[in-house]
Amino acid sequence: MRRDARSGQGGGARGAALLPPLLCPSRPVPAGPDPASEPDPARPPTRPSFAVLAAAHGARKMEDYGRFLALLGSALLVGFVSVILSLVWVFHYREGLSWDGSAAEFNWHPVLVITGFVFIQGIAIIVYRLPWTWKCSKLLMKFIHAGLNTIAMILAIVSMVAVFDFHNAKNIPNMYSLHSWIGLTAVIFYSLQLFLGFAVFLLPFAPVHLRAALMPIHVYSGLAIFATVIATALMGITEKLIFALKTPAYSASPPEATLVNSLGLLLVVFGSLILWMASRPHWKRPPAENAKILRPVGATPEGTEVESTMTNSSNADKSDLRSNTDAARKQNMKLDDAGQRSTM
């Protein structure tokens, strides 16, 4: 009878182990005194699996949610107004937009840079931090992030083509100013950043250790490129005013100069808001949503290895499970601490 009772209890334990971790209560259900169920003081307490920890951590809500929404709304408003002011500038004070080698073709340059290289790139930086997207698939968010950055890069390249085409049509030298040097450098590094982001973080072929090693570089370079683009845009609009305003001169502060100076201030405010939101660690996407991208191609999904190992009573298998779980937990925390929300 005792052997049957033990086997019945063991079968029940193995059956409970097959259930998902979140469906297994951590507190024992009171069913009368049972000496076998009492905890052994000499035995260390069992740690919860990584799947349980990740799910519990991912269920938390964003801290300072109201402040994040206020900053997000302010950034979107400032960015949108910046795009509108660039259009007002080229249509009201300049020659409008066209593609015929005239000054109107050059006007595509500030409009596309502010729209794509500044506004759209800024949205791409913080897209991971939008709390209502935390329930979405990480793969979907990576495609959105990459898509926004691709649009920004295309608009930046078209804006540069417009400048070179205008200069060539008017026999104006190319690449002689500091603005052009830094601008071309920003476009080149942005293209490399996007290509490496596709190859390493979007396609599922890069090993986990390579992603973990490149993530800090990816994050820092993305923010540095964005800040460089803001600075280059400020140099560009100032250079344009100095060359274009003759009567009255720029120093006389005509209405066009006031408008464009205000545009520059808005670009600084927009860049500051984006960089602030992107650098707050408590607004990062929870690591529960980051865990899936750490699984290499052909690897067992998280939680499956835990459940299958629990059905085996071998001490060696349990030891392997603990080491694998600890390694996965440390790797996930490494990527999460690296700041996975930033740009490609």
Protein backbone atom coordinates (compact mmCIF):
# COMPACT_ATOMS: atom_id res chain seq x y z
CA MET A 1 0.00 0.00 0.00
CA ARG A 2 2.80 2.43 0.87
CA ARG A 3 4.50 1.76 -2.49
CA ASP A 4 1.25 2.42 -4.36
CA ALA A 5 0.71 5.63 -2.41
CA ARG A 6 4.21 6.83 -3.20
CA SER A 7 3.81 6.01 -6.89
CA GLY A 8 0.49 7.83 -6.96
CA GLN A 9 2.03 10.91 -5.40
CA GLY A 10 5.00 10.74 -7.78
CA GLY A 11 2.72 10.40 -10.80
CA GLY A 12 0.73 13.43 -9.64
CA ALA A 13 3.92 15.45 -9.25
CA ARG A 14 5.10 14.46 -12.70
CA GLY A 15 1.69 15.35 -14.13
CA ALA A 16 1.79 18.76 -12.48
CA ALA A 17 5.26 19.31 -13.86
CA LEU A 18 3.94 18.87 -17.38
CA LEU A 19 1.60 21.86 -16.92
CA PRO A 20 2.79 25.32 -17.97
CA PRO A 21 4.68 27.03 -15.14
CA LEU A 22 2.15 29.81 -14.74
CA LEU A 23 -0.67 27.31 -14.24
CA CYS A 24 1.15 25.58 -11.38
CA PRO A 25 0.57 27.47 -8.13
CA SER A 26 3.67 28.07 -6.06
CA ARG A 27 1.73 27.54 -2.77
CA PRO A 28 0.65 23.98 -1.94
CA VAL A 29 -3.06 23.36 -1.78
CA PRO A 30 -4.02 22.41 1.83
CA ALA A 31 -5.18 18.80 1.78
CA GLY A 32 -4.43 17.64 5.30
CA PRO A 33 -1.12 17.02 7.03
CA ASP A 34 1.45 15.32 4.87
CA PRO A 35 4.99 15.02 6.25
CA ALA A 36 6.41 14.39 2.78
CA SER A 37 5.15 17.77 1.53
CA GLU A 38 6.74 19.80 4.32
CA PRO A 39 9.87 21.73 3.25
CA ASP A 40 13.20 20.36 4.31
CA PRO A 41 15.20 23.06 6.19
CA ALA A 42 18.47 21.54 4.97
CA ARG A 43 17.42 21.72 1.32
CA PRO A 44 17.72 25.10 -0.46
CA PRO A 45 14.46 26.50 -1.86
CA THR A 46 13.76 25.78 -5.51
CA ARG A 47 14.19 28.79 -7.76
CA PRO A 48 11.41 29.57 -10.25
CA SER A 49 12.18 28.87 -13.88
CA PHE A 50 13.31 31.62 -16.21
CA ALA A 51 9.99 31.45 -18.09
CA VAL A 52 8.11 32.31 -14.87
CA LEU A 53 10.48 35.18 -14.07
CA ALA A 54 10.29 36.59 -17.59
CA ALA A 55 6.49 36.40 -17.70
CA ALA A 56 6.18 38.08 -14.32
CA HIS A 57 8.60 40.83 -15.34
CA GLY A 58 6.89 41.40 -18.67
CA ALA A 59 3.53 41.81 -16.98
CA ARG A 60 4.67 44.98 -15.23
CA LYS A 61 3.35 48.31 -16.46
CA MET A 62 5.50 51.17 -17.71
CA GLU A 63 6.80 53.45 -15.00
CA ASP A 64 5.92 57.15 -15.34
CA TYR A 65 3.44 56.29 -18.08
CA GLY A 66 1.87 59.75 -18.01
CA ARG A 67 5.22 61.47 -18.35
CA PHE A 68 6.15 59.22 -21.27
CA LEU A 69 2.90 60.07 -23.06
CA ALA A 70 3.47 63.78 -22.47
CA LEU A 71 6.99 63.61 -23.89
CA LEU A 72 5.85 61.46 -26.80
CA GLY A 73 3.02 63.83 -27.67
CA SER A 74 5.37 66.81 -27.42
CA ALA A 75 7.94 65.14 -29.68
CA LEU A 76 5.33 64.26 -32.31
CA LEU A 77 3.91 67.79 -32.23
CA VAL A 78 7.31 69.47 -32.47
CA GLY A 79 8.43 67.14 -35.26
CA PHE A 80 5.24 67.67 -37.25
CA VAL A 81 5.46 71.45 -36.86
CA SER A 82 9.08 71.31 -38.03
CA VAL A 83 8.03 69.58 -41.25
CA ILE A 84 5.27 72.17 -41.79
CA LEU A 85 7.68 75.07 -41.24
CA SER A 86 10.11 73.61 -43.78
CA LEU A 87 7.31 73.53 -46.35
CA VAL A 88 6.26 77.09 -45.47
CA TRP A 89 9.85 78.18 -45.89
CA VAL A 90 10.35 76.75 -49.38
CA PHE A 91 6.88 77.67 -50.73
CA HIS A 92 6.43 81.11 -49.17
CA TYR A 93 9.97 82.50 -49.08
CA ARG A 94 11.76 80.39 -51.70
CA GLU A 95 10.94 79.03 -55.15
CA GLY A 96 8.80 76.03 -54.20
CA LEU A 97 9.59 72.46 -55.27
CA SER A 98 10.44 71.03 -58.68
CA TRP A 99 12.99 68.74 -60.33
CA ASP A 100 14.44 70.79 -63.17
CA GLY A 101 17.92 71.78 -61.98
CA SER A 102 16.73 75.14 -60.66
CA ALA A 103 16.74 76.44 -57.09
CA ALA A 104 13.37 74.79 -56.61
CA GLU A 105 15.08 71.42 -56.99
CA PHE A 106 17.54 72.34 -54.26
CA ASN A 107 14.59 73.02 -51.95
CA TRP A 108 13.89 69.31 -51.83
CA HIS A 109 17.03 68.98 -49.74
CA PRO A 110 15.86 70.69 -46.52
CA VAL A 111 12.33 69.33 -46.82
CA LEU A 112 13.39 65.70 -47.24
CA VAL A 113 16.14 65.89 -44.63
CA ILE A 114 13.79 67.29 -41.99
CA THR A 115 10.97 64.91 -42.93
CA GLY A 116 12.96 61.70 -43.29
CA PHE A 117 16.39 62.02 -41.76
CA VAL A 118 15.12 63.86 -38.65
CA PHE A 119 11.42 63.21 -38.03
CA ILE A 120 11.01 59.64 -39.33
CA GLN A 121 14.36 58.53 -37.92
CA GLY A 122 13.37 59.93 -34.52
CA ILE A 123 10.15 57.91 -34.55
CA ALA A 124 12.10 54.80 -35.53
CA ILE A 125 14.37 55.26 -32.51
CA ILE A 126 11.55 55.18 -29.96
CA VAL A 127 9.18 52.74 -31.68
CA TYR A 128 10.31 49.91 -29.35
CA ARG A 129 9.40 52.02 -26.31
CA LEU A 130 5.74 52.53 -27.17
CA PRO A 131 4.04 50.53 -24.38
CA TRP A 132 1.03 49.50 -26.47
CA THR A 133 3.41 47.64 -28.81
CA TRP A 134 4.90 45.47 -26.05
CA LYS A 135 2.28 42.79 -26.70
CA CYS A 136 3.19 42.70 -30.39
CA SER A 137 5.63 40.20 -31.80
CA LYS A 138 9.24 41.32 -31.49
CA LEU A 139 9.79 40.30 -35.11
CA LEU A 140 6.96 42.60 -36.19
CA MET A 141 8.48 45.49 -34.24
CA LYS A 142 11.87 44.82 -35.79
CA PHE A 143 10.32 45.03 -39.27
CA ILE A 144 8.62 48.32 -38.35
CA HIS A 145 11.87 49.69 -36.93
CA ALA A 146 13.81 48.64 -40.03
CA GLY A 147 11.10 49.92 -42.37
CA LEU A 148 11.04 53.39 -40.84
CA ASN A 149 14.81 53.62 -41.00
CA THR A 150 14.76 52.46 -44.62
CA ILE A 151 12.28 55.20 -45.53
CA ALA A 152 14.46 57.76 -43.75
CA MET A 153 17.54 56.60 -45.63
CA ILE A 154 15.80 56.74 -49.02
CA LEU A 155 14.60 60.30 -48.38
CA ALA A 156 18.09 61.33 -47.25
CA ILE A 157 19.66 59.90 -50.42
CA VAL A 158 17.10 61.64 -52.66
CA SER A 159 17.79 64.93 -50.86
CA MET A 160 21.52 64.55 -51.59
CA VAL A 161 20.84 63.77 -55.25
CA ALA A 162 18.83 66.99 -55.48
CA VAL A 163 21.76 69.02 -54.11
CA PHE A 164 24.34 67.46 -56.45
CA ASP A 165 22.01 67.87 -59.45
CA PHE A 166 21.42 71.54 -58.62
CA HIS A 167 25.12 72.24 -58.08
CA ASN A 168 26.07 70.56 -61.35
CA ALA A 169 23.40 72.46 -63.27
CA LYS A 170 24.64 75.79 -61.86
CA ASN A 171 28.37 74.93 -61.97
CA ILE A 172 28.64 75.20 -58.19
CA PRO A 173 31.44 73.17 -56.54
CA ASN A 174 30.40 70.14 -54.51
CA MET A 175 31.60 68.96 -51.11
CA TYR A 176 33.52 72.09 -50.06
CA SER A 177 31.73 73.03 -46.81
CA LEU A 178 31.82 71.43 -43.38
CA HIS A 179 28.06 70.90 -43.67
CA SER A 180 28.52 68.76 -46.77
CA TRP A 181 31.38 66.77 -45.24
CA ILE A 182 29.48 65.88 -42.06
CA GLY A 183 26.23 65.33 -43.95
CA LEU A 184 27.75 62.83 -46.38
CA THR A 185 29.50 61.08 -43.49
CA ALA A 186 26.19 60.78 -41.64
CA VAL A 187 24.47 59.27 -44.69
CA ILE A 188 27.28 56.74 -45.21
CA PHE A 189 27.33 55.62 -41.57
CA TYR A 190 23.53 55.53 -41.47
CA SER A 191 23.52 53.20 -44.50
CA LEU A 192 26.10 50.94 -42.83
CA GLN A 193 24.08 50.98 -39.62
CA LEU A 194 20.97 49.92 -41.49
CA PHE A 195 22.77 47.17 -43.41
CA LEU A 196 24.37 45.70 -40.28
CA GLY A 197 21.04 45.95 -38.48
CA PHE A 198 19.40 43.86 -41.18
CA ALA A 199 22.22 41.31 -41.29
CA VAL A 200 22.75 40.87 -37.54
CA PHE A 201 19.47 41.65 -35.77
CA LEU A 202 16.71 41.08 -38.33
CA LEU A 203 17.89 37.96 -40.14
CA PRO A 204 17.95 34.86 -37.89
CA PHE A 205 21.44 33.68 -38.82
CA ALA A 206 23.71 35.68 -36.51
CA PRO A 207 24.79 33.81 -33.35
CA VAL A 208 23.63 35.09 -29.98
CA HIS A 209 27.10 36.09 -28.77
CA LEU A 210 27.60 38.25 -31.88
CA ARG A 211 24.30 40.05 -31.29
CA ALA A 212 25.18 40.64 -27.65
CA ALA A 213 28.60 42.00 -28.60
CA LEU A 214 27.29 44.33 -31.31
CA MET A 215 24.21 45.59 -29.47
CA PRO A 216 25.98 48.36 -27.48
CA ILE A 217 27.72 49.54 -30.65
CA HIS A 218 24.43 49.44 -32.54
CA VAL A 219 22.69 51.48 -29.87
CA TYR A 220 25.42 54.08 -29.43
CA SER A 221 26.03 54.56 -33.15
CA GLY A 222 22.32 55.00 -33.82
CA LEU A 223 21.97 57.76 -31.24
CA ALA A 224 25.24 59.37 -32.34
CA ILE A 225 24.12 59.43 -35.99
CA PHE A 226 20.78 60.97 -35.02
CA ALA A 227 22.48 63.72 -32.98
CA THR A 228 24.89 64.32 -35.87
CA VAL A 229 21.99 64.68 -38.30
CA ILE A 230 20.39 67.33 -36.07
CA ALA A 231 23.66 69.28 -35.90
CA THR A 232 24.18 68.99 -39.67
CA ALA A 233 20.65 70.24 -40.35
CA LEU A 234 21.31 73.30 -38.18
CA MET A 235 24.51 74.05 -40.10
CA GLY A 236 22.71 73.58 -43.41
CA ILE A 237 19.79 75.94 -42.79
CA THR A 238 22.18 78.58 -41.42
CA GLU A 239 24.41 78.23 -44.46
CA LYS A 240 21.40 78.54 -46.76
CA LEU A 241 20.25 81.75 -45.07
CA ILE A 242 23.72 83.31 -45.30
CA PHE A 243 23.91 82.56 -49.03
CA ALA A 244 20.30 83.38 -49.93
CA LEU A 245 19.52 86.51 -47.93
CA LYS A 246 21.07 89.56 -49.55
CA THR A 247 18.51 92.37 -49.35
CA PRO A 248 17.79 92.48 -46.49
CA ALA A 249 20.76 90.56 -45.18
CA TYR A 250 20.65 87.76 -42.64
CA SER A 251 22.06 90.12 -39.99
CA ALA A 252 18.98 92.34 -40.34
CA SER A 253 16.76 89.50 -39.06
CA PRO A 254 14.09 89.53 -41.79
CA PRO A 255 10.94 87.40 -41.33
CA GLU A 256 12.45 84.52 -43.29
CA ALA A 257 15.44 84.44 -40.93
CA THR A 258 13.12 84.44 -37.91
CA LEU A 259 11.11 81.57 -39.35
CA VAL A 260 14.15 79.45 -40.14
CA ASN A 261 15.79 80.19 -36.78
CA SER A 262 12.59 79.04 -35.10
CA LEU A 263 12.74 75.89 -37.23
CA GLY A 264 16.25 75.25 -35.94
CA LEU A 265 15.11 75.61 -32.33
CA LEU A 266 12.32 73.11 -32.95
CA LEU A 267 14.82 70.62 -34.38
CA VAL A 268 16.91 70.92 -31.23
CA VAL A 269 13.84 70.38 -29.03
CA PHE A 270 12.73 67.38 -31.09
CA GLY A 271 16.16 65.77 -30.96
CA SER A 272 16.42 66.36 -27.20
CA LEU A 273 13.04 64.76 -26.55
CA ILE A 274 13.85 61.69 -28.66
CA LEU A 275 17.26 61.21 -27.04
CA TRP A 276 15.77 61.60 -23.57
CA MET A 277 13.07 59.00 -24.16
CA ALA A 278 15.55 56.62 -25.78
CA SER A 279 17.98 56.85 -22.87
CA ARG A 280 15.58 56.18 -19.96
CA PRO A 281 16.16 52.56 -18.79
CA HIS A 282 12.73 52.22 -17.12
CA TRP A 283 11.01 52.87 -20.46
CA LYS A 284 12.66 49.98 -22.26
CA ARG A 285 10.66 47.08 -23.64
CA PRO A 286 10.37 44.44 -20.87
CA PRO A 287 12.82 41.53 -21.20
CA ALA A 288 9.99 38.98 -21.49
CA GLU A 289 9.45 40.23 -25.04
CA ASN A 290 13.22 40.20 -25.65
CA ALA A 291 13.68 36.54 -24.73
CA LYS A 292 12.47 35.08 -28.03
CA ILE A 293 15.10 36.75 -30.20
CA LEU A 294 17.88 35.02 -28.25
CA ARG A 295 16.85 31.59 -29.54
CA PRO A 296 19.13 30.47 -32.40
CA VAL A 297 17.76 28.79 -35.48
CA GLY A 298 16.60 25.26 -34.67
CA ALA A 299 16.83 25.75 -30.90
CA THR A 300 14.15 24.61 -28.49
CA PRO A 301 11.71 27.38 -27.54
CA GLU A 302 12.00 28.69 -24.03
CA GLY A 303 9.92 26.77 -21.53
CA THR A 304 9.85 23.57 -23.58
CA GLU A 305 13.23 22.44 -22.32
CA VAL A 306 12.17 23.25 -18.78
CA GLU A 307 8.98 21.24 -18.96
CA SER A 308 10.57 18.22 -20.65
CA THR A 309 13.43 18.12 -18.17
CA MET A 310 11.06 18.19 -15.22
CA THR A 311 9.64 14.87 -16.32
CA ASN A 312 13.01 13.25 -15.78
CA SER A 313 14.01 12.55 -12.20
CA SER A 314 17.74 12.37 -12.92
CA ASN A 315 19.86 14.73 -10.83
CA ALA A 316 22.24 15.28 -13.74
CA ASP A 317 19.40 16.46 -15.98
CA LYS A 318 18.21 18.87 -13.32
CA SER A 319 21.71 20.26 -12.97
CA ASP A 320 21.92 20.79 -16.73
CA LEU A 321 18.55 22.51 -16.65
CA ARG A 322 19.69 24.94 -13.99
CA SER A 323 22.87 25.80 -15.90
CA ASN A 324 20.98 26.26 -19.19
CA THR A 325 18.36 28.41 -17.49
CA ASP A 326 20.97 30.54 -15.75
CA ALA A 327 22.87 31.01 -19.00
CA ALA A 328 19.70 32.02 -20.86
CA ARG A 329 18.71 34.41 -18.08
CA LYS A 330 22.13 36.07 -18.02
CA GLN A 331 22.20 36.36 -21.81
CA ASN A 332 18.74 37.94 -21.92
CA MET A 333 19.63 40.40 -19.19
CA LYS A 334 22.85 41.28 -21.06
CA LEU A 335 20.94 42.16 -24.22
CA ASP A 336 18.28 44.00 -22.28
CA ASP A 337 20.85 46.05 -20.36
CA ALA A 338 22.53 46.89 -23.65
CA GLY A 339 19.42 48.89 -24.57
CA GLN A 340 17.61 47.04 -27.30
CA ARG A 341 15.34 49.86 -28.14
CA SER A 342 17.50 51.91 -30.24
CA THR A 343 18.04 52.38 -33.86
CA MET A 344 19.32 50.15 -36.55
